[in-house]
Amino acid sequence: MLETIASNIDSFIAVAPTWGFLLIFVFMAIESSFIPFPSEVVMIPAGFLAFRGELGPFSPLLGLVLSVLVGVLGSLLGGYVNYYLALWAGKPFLEKYGKYFFIKREALDKACSVFNKYGAATTFICRLIPGIRQLISIPAGIAKMPLGEFTLFTALGAGIWSAILALVGYFLAKSAGDITYRDLVLKGAEMASKYGTYLLIGAVVCVAIYVGVKILLKKCK
């Protein structure tokens, strides 16, 4: 899917100076919902275009920051769609009819198992893991996770991932020279995947510290 979409994004790039931020918001909302769509084809070109000053009348750095912020807002919207769908429908409904929402039973069971085993912080960690990134919002809704906590963890995870992808695109705009958008996305996705393990380890360490502090504070009460 990544390569197919990457090969057909030139028409969207052409309107980036006018509609770039709106497109980032819409596509990241789609990516973060139950509809399968790769974030790499959105945020990597966003970083690339920001460096080239093609996201509007902004400096490259400001364009980069704004693209990440808009990407996070889009991700939150998509996450809310999943959260409230699960909150309203419940797991039995999604197990039976999830296939009509692009939600496979196996993927749903895996996301729920991870959430139930490791708790609310998985909405942050799993935002950095391909394949489960979008679906982790569903068990959060099923478990009626507090909306404020869900928003915080989702924004943190989506923010880190969006920033990584945008920075990869920004870096490639500096160093890659003349490159097609297809090659840009594929090369950028490879770079993000290469360093994704270190990113995930860092996230796990942060969550471990967070959980440890919470346990310590409870004992001190």
Protein backbone atom coordinates (compact mmCIF):
# COMPACT_ATOMS: atom_id res chain seq x y z
CA MET A 1 0.00 0.00 0.00
CA LEU A 2 2.80 2.42 0.90
CA GLU A 3 4.46 2.16 -2.51
CA THR A 4 1.15 2.37 -4.38
CA ILE A 5 0.06 5.57 -2.64
CA ALA A 6 3.58 7.04 -2.81
CA SER A 7 3.50 6.63 -6.58
CA ASN A 8 0.34 8.73 -6.87
CA ILE A 9 0.84 11.72 -4.58
CA ASP A 10 2.09 14.25 -7.14
CA SER A 11 -1.41 15.67 -7.66
CA PHE A 12 -1.66 16.45 -3.94
CA ILE A 13 1.82 17.98 -3.87
CA ALA A 14 0.79 20.36 -6.65
CA VAL A 15 -1.78 22.07 -4.39
CA ALA A 16 0.40 22.02 -1.25
CA PRO A 17 1.04 25.81 -1.17
CA THR A 18 -2.72 26.43 -0.88
CA TRP A 19 -4.17 23.33 0.76
CA GLY A 20 -1.09 21.68 2.30
CA PHE A 21 -2.00 22.00 5.98
CA LEU A 22 -5.62 21.01 5.36
CA LEU A 23 -4.45 17.93 3.46
CA ILE A 24 -2.06 17.02 6.29
CA PHE A 25 -4.90 17.33 8.81
CA VAL A 26 -7.39 15.29 6.76
CA PHE A 27 -5.00 12.50 5.80
CA MET A 28 -3.55 12.16 9.31
CA ALA A 29 -7.12 11.96 10.66
CA ILE A 30 -7.80 9.16 8.17
CA GLU A 31 -4.51 7.45 9.08
CA SER A 32 -5.33 7.56 12.78
CA SER A 33 -8.86 6.20 12.33
CA PHE A 34 -9.83 2.65 11.40
CA ILE A 35 -9.17 3.31 7.68
CA PRO A 36 -5.80 1.84 6.64
CA PHE A 37 -3.57 4.65 5.39
CA PRO A 38 0.19 5.10 5.90
CA SER A 39 1.34 8.23 7.74
CA GLU A 40 4.66 8.08 5.88
CA VAL A 41 3.04 9.39 2.68
CA VAL A 42 1.79 12.44 4.59
CA MET A 43 4.41 13.58 7.06
CA ILE A 44 7.59 12.79 5.10
CA PRO A 45 6.51 14.95 2.12
CA ALA A 46 5.30 17.57 4.64
CA GLY A 47 8.82 17.90 6.05
CA PHE A 48 10.27 17.94 2.55
CA LEU A 49 7.91 20.70 1.39
CA ALA A 50 8.47 22.69 4.59
CA PHE A 51 12.21 22.85 3.87
CA ARG A 52 11.51 24.01 0.32
CA GLY A 53 9.10 26.70 1.54
CA GLU A 54 6.16 25.16 -0.33
CA LEU A 55 3.69 24.98 2.56
CA GLY A 56 2.76 28.64 2.38
CA PRO A 57 4.43 31.92 3.35
CA PHE A 58 6.43 30.50 6.25
CA SER A 59 10.08 29.97 6.99
CA PRO A 60 11.25 26.35 6.58
CA LEU A 61 11.49 25.78 10.33
CA LEU A 62 8.09 27.33 11.09
CA GLY A 63 6.54 25.32 8.26
CA LEU A 64 8.04 22.15 9.79
CA VAL A 65 6.67 22.93 13.26
CA LEU A 66 3.22 23.81 11.92
CA SER A 67 3.05 20.64 9.81
CA VAL A 68 3.78 18.51 12.89
CA LEU A 69 1.19 20.36 14.99
CA VAL A 70 -1.44 19.97 12.28
CA GLY A 71 -0.50 16.30 11.92
CA VAL A 72 -1.02 15.77 15.66
CA LEU A 73 -4.43 17.48 15.54
CA GLY A 74 -5.44 15.25 12.65
CA SER A 75 -4.22 12.17 14.54
CA LEU A 76 -6.27 13.20 17.58
CA LEU A 77 -9.40 13.53 15.46
CA GLY A 78 -8.88 10.07 13.98
CA GLY A 79 -8.14 8.68 17.43
CA TYR A 80 -11.37 10.18 18.78
CA VAL A 81 -13.31 8.51 15.96
CA ASN A 82 -11.97 5.10 17.05
CA TYR A 83 -12.35 5.89 20.74
CA TYR A 84 -15.99 6.96 20.53
CA LEU A 85 -16.87 4.21 18.05
CA ALA A 86 -15.58 1.63 20.53
CA LEU A 87 -17.15 3.43 23.49
CA TRP A 88 -20.54 3.45 21.80
CA ALA A 89 -20.46 0.07 20.04
CA GLY A 90 -18.51 -2.11 22.47
CA LYS A 91 -16.28 -5.09 21.72
CA PRO A 92 -19.01 -7.62 20.79
CA PHE A 93 -20.30 -5.30 18.07
CA LEU A 94 -16.79 -4.69 16.70
CA GLU A 95 -15.97 -8.39 16.76
CA LYS A 96 -19.08 -9.08 14.69
CA TYR A 97 -19.15 -6.09 12.37
CA GLY A 98 -15.59 -4.76 12.56
CA LYS A 99 -14.75 -6.12 9.13
CA TYR A 100 -17.03 -3.46 7.66
CA PHE A 101 -14.84 -0.83 9.34
CA PHE A 102 -11.54 -2.39 8.13
CA ILE A 103 -11.03 -3.84 11.63
CA LYS A 104 -9.88 -7.45 11.54
CA ARG A 105 -10.89 -9.68 14.44
CA GLU A 106 -7.27 -10.82 14.99
CA ALA A 107 -5.95 -7.26 15.06
CA LEU A 108 -8.71 -6.18 17.45
CA ASP A 109 -7.99 -9.06 19.83
CA LYS A 110 -4.28 -8.27 19.75
CA ALA A 111 -4.84 -4.57 20.49
CA CYS A 112 -7.22 -5.37 23.36
CA SER A 113 -4.80 -7.95 24.78
CA VAL A 114 -1.92 -5.47 24.76
CA PHE A 115 -4.06 -2.74 26.33
CA ASN A 116 -5.46 -5.02 29.04
CA LYS A 117 -2.01 -6.35 29.90
CA TYR A 118 -0.04 -3.11 30.02
CA GLY A 119 -2.67 -0.46 30.75
CA ALA A 120 -3.43 3.04 29.53
CA ALA A 121 0.18 3.93 28.71
CA THR A 122 0.02 1.57 25.73
CA THR A 123 -1.91 4.30 23.89
CA PHE A 124 1.40 6.16 23.89
CA ILE A 125 3.81 3.29 23.16
CA CYS A 126 1.66 1.65 20.49
CA ARG A 127 1.45 4.93 18.56
CA LEU A 128 5.05 4.17 17.62
CA ILE A 129 4.38 0.59 16.43
CA PRO A 130 3.23 -0.03 12.82
CA GLY A 131 0.19 -2.23 12.44
CA ILE A 132 -1.29 -1.49 15.87
CA ARG A 133 -0.82 2.29 15.90
CA GLN A 134 -4.35 3.10 14.76
CA LEU A 135 -6.22 0.31 16.52
CA ILE A 136 -4.93 0.99 20.04
CA SER A 137 -7.56 3.74 20.37
CA ILE A 138 -10.29 1.10 20.17
CA PRO A 139 -9.49 -0.84 23.37
CA ALA A 140 -9.08 2.54 25.09
CA GLY A 141 -12.68 3.31 24.18
CA ILE A 142 -13.88 -0.15 25.15
CA ALA A 143 -12.20 0.23 28.56
CA LYS A 144 -13.69 3.74 28.95
CA MET A 145 -10.25 5.24 29.47
CA PRO A 146 -10.55 8.83 30.79
CA LEU A 147 -10.68 11.17 27.81
CA GLY A 148 -8.03 13.55 29.18
CA GLU A 149 -5.55 10.72 29.70
CA PHE A 150 -6.35 9.28 26.28
CA THR A 151 -5.82 12.67 24.66
CA LEU A 152 -2.48 13.20 26.41
CA PHE A 153 -0.99 9.82 25.54
CA THR A 154 -2.33 9.89 21.99
CA ALA A 155 -0.98 13.39 21.36
CA LEU A 156 2.43 12.46 22.77
CA GLY A 157 2.75 9.31 20.69
CA ALA A 158 1.37 10.88 17.52
CA GLY A 159 3.54 13.96 18.07
CA ILE A 160 6.75 11.99 18.35
CA TRP A 161 5.96 9.84 15.32
CA SER A 162 4.84 12.80 13.20
CA ALA A 163 7.93 14.78 14.17
CA ILE A 164 10.23 11.88 13.27
CA LEU A 165 8.67 11.49 9.82
CA ALA A 166 8.62 15.23 9.14
CA LEU A 167 12.26 15.57 10.22
CA VAL A 168 13.22 12.71 7.91
CA GLY A 169 11.57 14.55 5.01
CA TYR A 170 13.23 17.81 6.07
CA PHE A 171 16.64 16.12 6.20
CA LEU A 172 16.15 14.46 2.81
CA ALA A 173 15.23 17.81 1.28
CA LYS A 174 18.66 19.02 2.41
CA SER A 175 20.66 16.05 1.24
CA ALA A 176 18.81 14.08 -1.42
CA GLY A 177 18.86 16.65 -4.21
CA ASP A 178 16.50 15.88 -7.10
CA ILE A 179 14.29 13.00 -5.95
CA THR A 180 10.82 11.80 -6.95
CA TYR A 181 8.12 11.86 -4.28
CA ARG A 182 7.78 8.10 -4.57
CA ASP A 183 11.47 7.60 -3.82
CA LEU A 184 11.29 10.26 -1.11
CA VAL A 185 8.55 8.39 0.75
CA LEU A 186 10.13 4.96 0.35
CA LYS A 187 13.59 6.14 1.39
CA GLY A 188 12.17 8.16 4.28
CA ALA A 189 10.05 5.24 5.50
CA GLU A 190 13.14 3.03 5.45
CA MET A 191 15.06 5.57 7.54
CA ALA A 192 12.22 5.94 10.04
CA SER A 193 11.92 2.17 10.36
CA LYS A 194 15.67 1.82 10.87
CA TYR A 195 15.66 4.08 13.91
CA GLY A 196 12.19 3.08 15.10
CA THR A 197 13.59 0.45 17.47
CA TYR A 198 15.58 3.05 19.40
CA LEU A 199 12.52 5.28 19.50
CA LEU A 200 10.40 2.44 20.89
CA ILE A 201 13.00 1.59 23.55
CA GLY A 202 13.04 5.21 24.65
CA ALA A 203 9.24 5.25 24.85
CA VAL A 204 9.19 2.08 26.95
CA VAL A 205 11.73 3.59 29.35
CA CYS A 206 9.60 6.74 29.70
CA VAL A 207 6.48 4.70 30.41
CA ALA A 208 8.35 2.56 32.95
CA ILE A 209 9.43 5.73 34.76
CA TYR A 210 5.87 7.07 34.62
CA VAL A 211 4.41 3.86 36.07
CA GLY A 212 7.12 3.71 38.73
CA VAL A 213 6.40 7.26 39.84
CA LYS A 214 2.65 6.56 40.02
CA ILE A 215 3.24 3.47 42.18
CA LEU A 216 5.61 5.40 44.43
CA LEU A 217 3.13 8.24 44.88
CA LYS A 218 0.36 5.79 45.77
CA LYS A 219 2.57 4.20 48.44
CA CYS A 220 3.39 7.60 49.89
CA LYS A 221 -0.28 8.50 50.40
